[in-house]
Amino acid sequence: MSNGILGNVTFARHFIDQVKAKGFRPEQILSAVRTPERVTEVRRYPGQLRYCGAGVAVVADGNHLITVYADQVVTPLRPDQMADPEARASRRLARG
């Protein structure tokens, strides 16, 4: 199991908005960042890590939580992703 974020965290406004809009529970967020099932690098933004667990994926830059979304849920590509060759080759485009 990978190490999670320890100590205090700060929250981006976008993160707070996503938590509220999507109805994630505080326990889900804490579980993902404190005892993640897996941690991966965010290829598009070097230095950012994705902490996954309890059904959520939390993206952080150090101890600053940037965004959160449902983990392993396939969604259509956003307009800004349509020019990204890796995104266009993903299974998301086929389902979108």
N, C-alpha and C. Protein backbone atom coordinates (compact mmCIF):
# COMPACT_ATOMS: atom_id res chain seq x y z
N MET A 1 0.85 -1.19 0.00
CA MET A 1 0.00 0.00 0.00
C MET A 1 0.89 1.24 0.00
N SER A 2 0.52 2.21 -0.77
CA SER A 2 1.29 3.45 -0.89
C SER A 2 1.04 4.37 0.29
N ASN A 3 2.00 5.23 0.54
CA ASN A 3 1.83 6.22 1.60
C ASN A 3 0.88 7.31 1.17
N GLY A 4 0.10 7.76 2.12
CA GLY A 4 -0.83 8.84 1.84
C GLY A 4 -0.30 10.16 2.36
N ILE A 5 -1.17 11.16 2.35
CA ILE A 5 -0.84 12.49 2.83
C ILE A 5 -1.00 12.51 4.35
N LEU A 6 0.01 12.97 5.02
CA LEU A 6 -0.05 13.10 6.47
C LEU A 6 -0.04 14.58 6.83
N GLY A 7 -0.57 14.92 7.96
CA GLY A 7 -0.55 16.31 8.40
C GLY A 7 -1.72 17.09 7.83
N ASN A 8 -1.60 18.39 7.95
CA ASN A 8 -2.67 19.28 7.51
C ASN A 8 -2.74 19.36 6.00
N VAL A 9 -3.94 19.61 5.49
CA VAL A 9 -4.14 19.80 4.07
C VAL A 9 -4.87 21.12 3.85
N THR A 10 -4.70 21.67 2.65
CA THR A 10 -5.47 22.85 2.24
C THR A 10 -6.32 22.44 1.05
N PHE A 11 -7.36 23.23 0.78
CA PHE A 11 -8.32 22.87 -0.24
C PHE A 11 -8.46 23.98 -1.27
N ALA A 12 -8.39 23.61 -2.54
CA ALA A 12 -8.69 24.55 -3.62
C ALA A 12 -10.20 24.77 -3.65
N ARG A 13 -10.62 25.93 -4.07
CA ARG A 13 -12.06 26.22 -4.20
C ARG A 13 -12.72 25.16 -5.09
N HIS A 14 -12.06 24.79 -6.18
CA HIS A 14 -12.60 23.78 -7.09
C HIS A 14 -12.83 22.46 -6.35
N PHE A 15 -11.90 22.07 -5.51
CA PHE A 15 -12.05 20.83 -4.73
C PHE A 15 -13.32 20.90 -3.88
N ILE A 16 -13.49 21.98 -3.16
CA ILE A 16 -14.67 22.14 -2.29
C ILE A 16 -15.95 22.10 -3.13
N ASP A 17 -15.94 22.77 -4.26
CA ASP A 17 -17.11 22.78 -5.14
C ASP A 17 -17.45 21.37 -5.63
N GLN A 18 -16.42 20.59 -5.98
CA GLN A 18 -16.64 19.23 -6.47
C GLN A 18 -17.18 18.32 -5.37
N VAL A 19 -16.64 18.44 -4.17
CA VAL A 19 -17.13 17.64 -3.05
C VAL A 19 -18.62 17.90 -2.84
N LYS A 20 -19.01 19.16 -2.83
CA LYS A 20 -20.41 19.53 -2.63
C LYS A 20 -21.29 19.07 -3.79
N ALA A 21 -20.84 19.33 -5.01
CA ALA A 21 -21.65 19.01 -6.20
C ALA A 21 -21.86 17.51 -6.36
N LYS A 22 -20.86 16.73 -6.01
CA LYS A 22 -20.93 15.29 -6.25
C LYS A 22 -21.33 14.50 -5.01
N GLY A 23 -21.45 15.18 -3.88
CA GLY A 23 -21.94 14.52 -2.68
C GLY A 23 -20.97 13.54 -2.04
N PHE A 24 -19.68 13.74 -2.22
CA PHE A 24 -18.72 12.85 -1.57
C PHE A 24 -18.73 13.09 -0.07
N ARG A 25 -18.52 12.02 0.68
CA ARG A 25 -18.50 12.10 2.14
C ARG A 25 -17.08 12.38 2.63
N PRO A 26 -16.94 13.10 3.73
CA PRO A 26 -15.61 13.38 4.29
C PRO A 26 -14.80 12.10 4.54
N GLU A 27 -15.48 11.02 4.96
CA GLU A 27 -14.77 9.75 5.22
C GLU A 27 -14.11 9.21 3.96
N GLN A 28 -14.79 9.39 2.81
CA GLN A 28 -14.21 8.93 1.54
C GLN A 28 -12.92 9.68 1.24
N ILE A 29 -12.98 11.00 1.39
CA ILE A 29 -11.82 11.84 1.09
C ILE A 29 -10.66 11.48 2.01
N LEU A 30 -10.94 11.40 3.30
CA LEU A 30 -9.88 11.08 4.26
C LEU A 30 -9.27 9.72 4.00
N SER A 31 -10.10 8.74 3.69
CA SER A 31 -9.58 7.41 3.41
C SER A 31 -8.66 7.42 2.19
N ALA A 32 -9.09 8.12 1.14
CA ALA A 32 -8.28 8.16 -0.09
C ALA A 32 -6.93 8.83 0.13
N VAL A 33 -6.90 9.93 0.89
CA VAL A 33 -5.63 10.64 1.04
C VAL A 33 -4.77 10.12 2.19
N ARG A 34 -5.37 9.54 3.21
CA ARG A 34 -4.58 9.04 4.36
C ARG A 34 -4.10 7.61 4.16
N THR A 35 -4.96 6.75 3.61
CA THR A 35 -4.61 5.34 3.39
C THR A 35 -5.06 4.91 1.99
N PRO A 36 -4.44 5.47 0.96
CA PRO A 36 -4.88 5.18 -0.41
C PRO A 36 -4.65 3.73 -0.81
N GLU A 37 -5.54 3.26 -1.68
CA GLU A 37 -5.36 1.93 -2.28
C GLU A 37 -4.26 1.98 -3.34
N ARG A 38 -4.14 3.13 -4.00
CA ARG A 38 -3.07 3.32 -4.98
C ARG A 38 -2.82 4.82 -5.15
N VAL A 39 -1.60 5.13 -5.54
CA VAL A 39 -1.19 6.52 -5.81
C VAL A 39 -0.52 6.53 -7.17
N THR A 40 -0.97 7.45 -8.04
CA THR A 40 -0.38 7.55 -9.37
C THR A 40 -0.04 9.01 -9.66
N GLU A 41 0.91 9.20 -10.57
CA GLU A 41 1.26 10.56 -10.99
C GLU A 41 0.24 11.05 -12.00
N VAL A 42 -0.01 12.35 -11.98
CA VAL A 42 -0.88 12.98 -12.98
C VAL A 42 0.04 13.39 -14.12
N ARG A 43 -0.02 12.67 -15.24
CA ARG A 43 0.91 12.91 -16.35
C ARG A 43 0.83 14.33 -16.90
N ARG A 44 -0.35 14.87 -16.93
CA ARG A 44 -0.53 16.19 -17.53
C ARG A 44 0.05 17.31 -16.67
N TYR A 45 0.13 17.08 -15.37
CA TYR A 45 0.62 18.10 -14.44
C TYR A 45 1.70 17.51 -13.55
N PRO A 46 2.97 17.56 -13.97
CA PRO A 46 4.06 17.00 -13.18
C PRO A 46 4.06 17.56 -11.75
N GLY A 47 4.30 16.68 -10.81
CA GLY A 47 4.32 17.06 -9.40
C GLY A 47 3.01 16.78 -8.69
N GLN A 48 1.93 16.62 -9.45
CA GLN A 48 0.65 16.31 -8.83
C GLN A 48 0.49 14.79 -8.73
N LEU A 49 -0.15 14.35 -7.65
CA LEU A 49 -0.41 12.94 -7.44
C LEU A 49 -1.90 12.71 -7.29
N ARG A 50 -2.33 11.52 -7.71
CA ARG A 50 -3.73 11.10 -7.61
C ARG A 50 -3.80 10.01 -6.53
N TYR A 51 -4.56 10.26 -5.48
CA TYR A 51 -4.75 9.32 -4.38
C TYR A 51 -6.12 8.67 -4.54
N CYS A 52 -6.14 7.35 -4.69
CA CYS A 52 -7.39 6.66 -4.97
C CYS A 52 -7.75 5.69 -3.85
N GLY A 53 -9.02 5.70 -3.50
CA GLY A 53 -9.55 4.78 -2.50
C GLY A 53 -10.94 5.21 -2.09
N ALA A 54 -11.69 4.28 -1.53
CA ALA A 54 -13.04 4.55 -1.03
C ALA A 54 -13.96 5.12 -2.11
N GLY A 55 -13.70 4.77 -3.37
CA GLY A 55 -14.56 5.20 -4.46
C GLY A 55 -14.27 6.58 -5.02
N VAL A 56 -13.21 7.23 -4.52
CA VAL A 56 -12.86 8.56 -5.03
C VAL A 56 -11.40 8.62 -5.44
N ALA A 57 -11.11 9.58 -6.32
CA ALA A 57 -9.74 9.91 -6.70
C ALA A 57 -9.53 11.37 -6.34
N VAL A 58 -8.52 11.64 -5.51
CA VAL A 58 -8.22 13.00 -5.06
C VAL A 58 -6.90 13.41 -5.68
N VAL A 59 -6.88 14.52 -6.38
CA VAL A 59 -5.65 15.03 -6.97
C VAL A 59 -5.09 16.10 -6.05
N ALA A 60 -3.79 15.95 -5.75
CA ALA A 60 -3.14 16.87 -4.82
C ALA A 60 -1.78 17.31 -5.35
N ASP A 61 -1.41 18.51 -4.96
CA ASP A 61 -0.07 19.03 -5.21
C ASP A 61 0.51 19.24 -3.82
N GLY A 62 1.33 18.30 -3.39
CA GLY A 62 1.78 18.32 -1.99
C GLY A 62 0.59 18.06 -1.09
N ASN A 63 0.37 18.92 -0.12
CA ASN A 63 -0.76 18.78 0.80
C ASN A 63 -1.94 19.65 0.38
N HIS A 64 -1.92 20.19 -0.84
CA HIS A 64 -3.00 21.03 -1.35
C HIS A 64 -3.90 20.17 -2.24
N LEU A 65 -5.15 19.96 -1.81
CA LEU A 65 -6.09 19.13 -2.57
C LEU A 65 -6.74 19.98 -3.66
N ILE A 66 -6.61 19.51 -4.90
CA ILE A 66 -7.00 20.30 -6.07
C ILE A 66 -8.38 19.93 -6.60
N THR A 67 -8.62 18.63 -6.77
CA THR A 67 -9.91 18.19 -7.29
C THR A 67 -10.20 16.79 -6.79
N VAL A 68 -11.44 16.37 -6.96
CA VAL A 68 -11.87 15.03 -6.58
C VAL A 68 -12.93 14.57 -7.56
N TYR A 69 -12.91 13.28 -7.87
CA TYR A 69 -13.91 12.72 -8.76
C TYR A 69 -14.09 11.25 -8.42
N ALA A 70 -15.16 10.65 -8.94
CA ALA A 70 -15.43 9.24 -8.70
C ALA A 70 -14.32 8.41 -9.35
N ASP A 71 -13.75 7.50 -8.61
CA ASP A 71 -12.64 6.69 -9.10
C ASP A 71 -13.15 5.58 -10.02
N GLN A 72 -12.46 5.38 -11.11
CA GLN A 72 -12.70 4.33 -12.09
C GLN A 72 -14.10 4.37 -12.69
N VAL A 73 -14.64 5.57 -12.86
CA VAL A 73 -15.90 5.76 -13.55
C VAL A 73 -15.58 6.37 -14.91
N VAL A 74 -16.00 5.70 -15.96
CA VAL A 74 -15.70 6.16 -17.31
C VAL A 74 -16.68 7.27 -17.68
N THR A 75 -16.14 8.41 -18.07
CA THR A 75 -16.95 9.56 -18.47
C THR A 75 -16.52 10.02 -19.86
N PRO A 76 -17.38 10.72 -20.56
CA PRO A 76 -16.99 11.25 -21.87
C PRO A 76 -15.85 12.26 -21.74
N LEU A 77 -15.08 12.40 -22.80
CA LEU A 77 -14.00 13.39 -22.82
C LEU A 77 -14.58 14.80 -22.76
N ARG A 78 -13.88 15.67 -22.05
CA ARG A 78 -14.23 17.10 -22.03
C ARG A 78 -13.70 17.73 -23.32
N PRO A 79 -14.25 18.87 -23.71
CA PRO A 79 -13.76 19.54 -24.93
C PRO A 79 -12.26 19.81 -24.91
N ASP A 80 -11.69 20.16 -23.75
CA ASP A 80 -10.25 20.45 -23.69
C ASP A 80 -9.40 19.20 -23.83
N GLN A 81 -9.99 18.01 -23.72
CA GLN A 81 -9.24 16.77 -23.86
C GLN A 81 -9.28 16.22 -25.28
N MET A 82 -10.14 16.76 -26.11
CA MET A 82 -10.31 16.22 -27.46
C MET A 82 -9.06 16.35 -28.33
N ALA A 83 -8.18 17.30 -28.05
CA ALA A 83 -6.95 17.47 -28.83
C ALA A 83 -5.79 16.65 -28.27
N ASP A 84 -6.00 15.98 -27.16
CA ASP A 84 -4.94 15.20 -26.50
C ASP A 84 -4.92 13.79 -27.11
N PRO A 85 -3.82 13.41 -27.80
CA PRO A 85 -3.77 12.10 -28.46
C PRO A 85 -3.99 10.93 -27.50
N GLU A 86 -3.44 11.02 -26.29
CA GLU A 86 -3.63 9.93 -25.32
C GLU A 86 -5.10 9.83 -24.91
N ALA A 87 -5.72 10.96 -24.67
CA ALA A 87 -7.14 10.95 -24.29
C ALA A 87 -7.99 10.40 -25.43
N ARG A 88 -7.68 10.82 -26.66
CA ARG A 88 -8.47 10.36 -27.81
C ARG A 88 -8.32 8.86 -28.03
N ALA A 89 -7.20 8.29 -27.63
CA ALA A 89 -6.97 6.86 -27.79
C ALA A 89 -7.55 6.04 -26.63
N SER A 90 -8.04 6.72 -25.61
CA SER A 90 -8.54 6.02 -24.42
C SER A 90 -9.89 5.40 -24.65
N ARG A 91 -10.26 4.54 -23.74
CA ARG A 91 -11.57 3.89 -23.82
C ARG A 91 -12.70 4.87 -23.57
N ARG A 92 -12.39 6.05 -23.00
CA ARG A 92 -13.42 7.04 -22.75
C ARG A 92 -14.03 7.56 -24.04
N LEU A 93 -13.22 7.73 -25.09
CA LEU A 93 -13.72 8.26 -26.35
C LEU A 93 -14.71 7.25 -26.97
N ALA A 94 -14.38 5.98 -26.86
CA ALA A 94 -15.25 4.96 -27.44
C ALA A 94 -16.63 4.93 -26.78
N ARG A 95 -16.68 5.24 -25.50
CA ARG A 95 -17.96 5.22 -24.78
C ARG A 95 -18.67 6.54 -24.81
N GLY A 96 -17.90 7.65 -24.99
CA GLY A 96 -18.47 8.99 -24.91
C GLY A 96 -19.50 9.22 -25.95
